[in-house]
Amino acid sequence: MRILEIRIGGKFERQYKKLPEQIRESAKEKEYIFRNNPFDPRLDIHKLHGKDKNAWAFSITRSYRIKFIFLTESIVLLLEIGTHDIYK
C-alpha cells in the first residue's frame, strides 16, 4: 500500500510553520517513509480513540506526532502536528 496523495489541513500548516527546523526536517523524512509504506514500523503508527476515533497518528520523534485521517486507501489528510498535546 502506498500513499498517492497527501492533503494538508489548515491547522497542520499553521502548526508546522511554528516547529523548530530540526523537527520539520525529521517530519519530512518520516513523511517520505509514510508515502512509501504507511505501516512501516519506524513510524509507530496507531489508531486513535475517543473523540479522535476516526484518526490515526505516527511518530516523528519521541515527543512529536502527526495526526491524520485516511480519506481513501491512498489519500490522507494531515490534521495536526505537534507534541502529545494534539491529542487533547
Protein backbone atom coordinates (compact mmCIF):
# COMPACT_ATOMS: atom_id res chain seq x y z
CA MET A 1 0.00 0.00 0.00
CA ARG A 2 1.33 3.41 -0.98
CA ILE A 3 0.03 6.87 -0.28
CA LEU A 4 -0.54 8.62 -3.60
CA GLU A 5 -1.74 11.97 -2.25
CA ILE A 6 -1.24 13.85 0.99
CA ARG A 7 -3.53 16.79 1.67
CA ILE A 8 -2.66 19.40 4.27
CA GLY A 9 -5.21 20.82 6.70
CA GLY A 10 -5.06 24.48 7.71
CA LYS A 11 -4.32 23.71 11.36
CA PHE A 12 -1.48 21.37 10.35
CA GLU A 13 0.04 24.07 8.14
CA ARG A 14 -0.04 26.69 10.93
CA GLN A 15 1.45 24.27 13.47
CA TYR A 16 4.16 23.10 11.05
CA LYS A 17 5.41 26.66 10.47
CA LYS A 18 5.95 27.11 14.23
CA LEU A 19 8.06 23.96 14.68
CA PRO A 20 11.83 24.05 15.19
CA GLU A 21 13.80 23.45 11.98
CA GLN A 22 15.14 20.11 13.22
CA ILE A 23 11.61 18.79 13.82
CA ARG A 24 10.48 19.98 10.38
CA GLU A 25 13.39 18.09 8.80
CA SER A 26 12.53 14.94 10.78
CA ALA A 27 8.89 15.32 9.69
CA LYS A 28 9.95 15.43 6.02
CA GLU A 29 11.99 12.23 6.46
CA LYS A 30 9.08 10.43 8.14
CA GLU A 31 6.64 11.71 5.50
CA TYR A 32 8.82 10.07 2.83
CA ILE A 33 8.68 6.75 4.69
CA PHE A 34 4.92 7.21 5.21
CA ARG A 35 4.27 7.77 1.49
CA ASN A 36 6.01 4.52 0.58
CA ASN A 37 4.66 2.36 3.40
CA PRO A 38 2.26 3.98 5.89
CA PHE A 39 2.57 0.99 8.22
CA ASP A 40 6.37 0.93 8.31
CA PRO A 41 7.38 0.02 11.92
CA ARG A 42 9.69 3.07 12.09
CA LEU A 43 6.58 5.29 12.13
CA ASP A 44 4.95 3.69 15.19
CA ILE A 45 1.56 4.32 13.55
CA HIS A 46 -1.50 3.84 15.74
CA LYS A 47 -5.25 4.33 15.60
CA LEU A 48 -6.62 6.91 17.99
CA HIS A 49 -9.60 6.54 20.32
CA GLY A 50 -12.33 8.63 21.89
CA LYS A 51 -13.12 11.89 20.09
CA ASP A 52 -10.40 11.08 17.54
CA LYS A 53 -11.60 7.55 16.83
CA ASN A 54 -11.51 8.12 13.05
CA ALA A 55 -7.95 9.44 13.14
CA TRP A 56 -4.51 7.87 13.17
CA ALA A 57 -1.11 9.17 14.27
CA PHE A 58 2.52 8.41 13.59
CA SER A 59 5.70 9.45 15.35
CA ILE A 60 8.21 11.99 14.10
CA THR A 61 10.35 11.83 17.24
CA ARG A 62 9.72 10.55 20.75
CA SER A 63 7.80 13.74 21.52
CA TYR A 64 6.28 14.85 18.20
CA ARG A 65 3.42 13.25 16.26
CA ILE A 66 1.38 13.77 13.11
CA LYS A 67 -2.37 13.16 13.36
CA PHE A 68 -4.18 12.27 10.12
CA ILE A 69 -7.17 10.54 8.58
CA PHE A 70 -7.43 8.24 5.58
CA LEU A 71 -9.77 9.83 3.02
CA THR A 72 -9.34 6.78 0.79
CA GLU A 73 -6.89 3.89 0.87
CA SER A 74 -4.27 6.01 -0.90
CA ILE A 75 -5.21 9.60 0.08
CA VAL A 76 -4.67 11.07 3.55
CA LEU A 77 -5.39 14.40 5.19
CA LEU A 78 -2.83 15.64 7.72
CA LEU A 79 -4.76 17.22 10.57
CA GLU A 80 -2.25 18.25 13.22
CA ILE A 81 1.44 18.12 14.07
CA GLY A 82 3.00 18.63 17.48
CA THR A 83 3.65 17.10 20.86
CA HIS A 84 1.17 14.86 22.65
CA ASP A 85 -0.95 17.99 23.17
CA ILE A 86 -2.52 17.34 19.74
CA TYR A 87 -4.50 14.53 21.40
CA LYS A 88 -6.29 16.92 23.78
